[in-house]
């Protein structure tokens, strides 16, 4: 993200959930959230603690809906295939209507790799 000029404002950011729970967002910018989920989280039965895939997916949808409703920020979802290169990541963000900033943040995050 920093190679594309985005400023990361937080990692594992807590959001107050329903009934006093806490929900965590993987990464934050000033305008949107980013959630990174590899396929293993959904396809590996051990990671699901034996829960049916349908239940895990519905719970994740409810969680994301709650977060969007409470924070008024969009949630960008990326998987392994979206972060292979900065170009792939840029294309994934474009799906959400997000373009890299016109100028790089200060301090400069370093060289841009393509």
Protein backbone atom coordinates (compact mmCIF):
# COMPACT_ATOMS: atom_id res chain seq x y z
CA UNK A 1 0.00 0.00 0.00
CA UNK A 2 2.76 2.42 0.86
CA UNK A 3 4.40 1.73 -2.51
CA UNK A 4 1.21 3.04 -4.11
CA UNK A 5 1.22 6.12 -1.89
CA UNK A 6 -1.46 5.18 0.64
CA UNK A 7 -1.06 6.06 4.29
CA UNK A 8 -1.87 3.21 6.67
CA UNK A 9 -3.45 4.65 9.82
CA UNK A 10 -3.90 1.43 11.76
CA UNK A 11 -3.51 -2.34 11.90
CA UNK A 12 -5.99 -4.63 13.61
CA UNK A 13 -8.22 -1.66 14.42
CA UNK A 14 -10.91 -2.36 17.01
CA UNK A 15 -14.52 -1.51 16.18
CA UNK A 16 -17.25 -1.82 18.81
CA UNK A 17 -19.45 -4.73 17.82
CA UNK A 18 -22.94 -5.79 18.83
CA UNK A 19 -23.62 -6.72 22.47
CA UNK A 20 -20.33 -5.31 23.73
CA UNK A 21 -18.12 -7.40 21.48
CA UNK A 22 -15.06 -6.08 19.65
CA UNK A 23 -14.51 -6.61 15.95
CA UNK A 24 -11.13 -6.09 14.31
CA UNK A 25 -10.33 -4.66 10.90
CA UNK A 26 -7.05 -5.80 9.36
CA UNK A 27 -5.92 -2.42 8.08
CA UNK A 28 -7.20 1.16 8.06
CA UNK A 29 -6.72 4.27 5.98
CA UNK A 30 -8.44 7.58 6.68
CA UNK A 31 -11.22 6.70 4.24
CA UNK A 32 -11.63 2.93 3.98
CA UNK A 33 -10.89 -0.39 5.66
CA UNK A 34 -8.99 -3.32 4.17
CA UNK A 35 -9.72 -6.93 5.05
CA UNK A 36 -7.28 -9.61 3.93
CA UNK A 37 -8.68 -13.12 3.87
CA UNK A 38 -6.91 -16.04 2.30
CA UNK A 39 -9.02 -18.93 1.04
CA UNK A 40 -7.73 -21.15 3.83
CA UNK A 41 -9.81 -19.24 6.38
CA UNK A 42 -12.93 -20.52 4.64
CA UNK A 43 -11.86 -23.82 3.10
CA UNK A 44 -9.86 -25.38 5.95
CA UNK A 45 -12.35 -27.09 8.26
CA UNK A 46 -9.90 -26.91 11.19
CA UNK A 47 -9.71 -23.10 10.87
CA UNK A 48 -13.51 -22.99 10.90
CA UNK A 49 -13.55 -25.03 14.13
CA UNK A 50 -15.85 -27.49 12.39
CA UNK A 51 -18.47 -24.85 11.55
CA UNK A 52 -20.18 -25.30 8.18
CA UNK A 53 -18.84 -23.05 5.44
CA UNK A 54 -22.26 -21.45 4.97
CA UNK A 55 -22.36 -20.40 8.63
CA UNK A 56 -18.85 -18.93 8.49
CA UNK A 57 -19.68 -16.95 5.34
CA UNK A 58 -22.97 -15.62 6.76
CA UNK A 59 -21.24 -14.61 10.02
CA UNK A 60 -18.55 -12.79 8.06
CA UNK A 61 -21.19 -10.97 6.00
CA UNK A 62 -23.04 -9.89 9.16
CA UNK A 63 -19.73 -8.72 10.69
CA UNK A 64 -18.83 -6.65 7.62
CA UNK A 65 -22.34 -5.18 7.38
CA UNK A 66 -22.13 -4.12 11.04
CA UNK A 67 -18.72 -2.52 10.56
CA UNK A 68 -19.84 -0.56 7.49
CA UNK A 69 -23.02 0.59 9.21
CA UNK A 70 -21.22 1.71 12.37
CA UNK A 71 -18.25 3.41 10.72
CA UNK A 72 -19.67 4.63 7.40
CA UNK A 73 -16.55 3.34 5.64
CA UNK A 74 -16.34 0.90 2.78
CA UNK A 75 -14.61 -2.42 3.33
CA UNK A 76 -12.16 -3.52 0.65
CA UNK A 77 -11.58 -7.27 0.53
CA UNK A 78 -8.36 -8.69 -0.87
CA UNK A 79 -6.96 -12.18 -1.13
CA UNK A 80 -3.58 -13.61 -2.00
CA UNK A 81 -4.20 -13.20 -5.73
CA UNK A 82 -4.71 -9.43 -5.33
CA UNK A 83 -1.34 -8.69 -3.74
CA UNK A 84 1.05 -10.57 -6.02
CA UNK A 85 2.21 -7.27 -7.55
CA UNK A 86 1.48 -3.60 -6.96
CA UNK A 87 -0.27 -3.62 -10.34
CA UNK A 88 -2.63 -6.40 -9.23
CA UNK A 89 -3.32 -4.55 -6.00
CA UNK A 90 -3.95 -1.30 -7.88
CA UNK A 91 -6.44 -3.13 -10.15
CA UNK A 92 -8.23 -4.61 -7.12
CA UNK A 93 -8.58 -1.17 -5.51
CA UNK A 94 -9.90 0.23 -8.81
CA UNK A 95 -12.80 -2.27 -8.57
CA UNK A 96 -13.81 -0.31 -5.45
CA UNK A 97 -13.28 3.05 -7.17
CA UNK A 98 -10.08 3.72 -5.22
CA UNK A 99 -7.13 5.30 -6.98
CA UNK A 100 -3.66 5.84 -5.50
CA UNK A 101 -2.98 9.37 -4.23
CA UNK A 102 -1.41 11.79 -6.70
CA UNK A 103 1.52 12.50 -4.40
CA UNK A 104 3.52 10.22 -2.16
CA UNK A 105 3.23 10.58 1.61
CA UNK A 106 5.94 12.04 3.76
CA UNK A 107 8.15 10.46 4.87
CA UNK A 108 8.63 8.75 1.52
CA UNK A 109 8.01 5.00 1.96
CA UNK A 110 10.81 4.06 -0.43
CA UNK A 111 11.10 2.85 -4.00
CA UNK A 112 8.16 1.73 -6.07
CA UNK A 113 8.47 -1.83 -7.43
CA UNK A 114 6.45 -2.91 -10.42
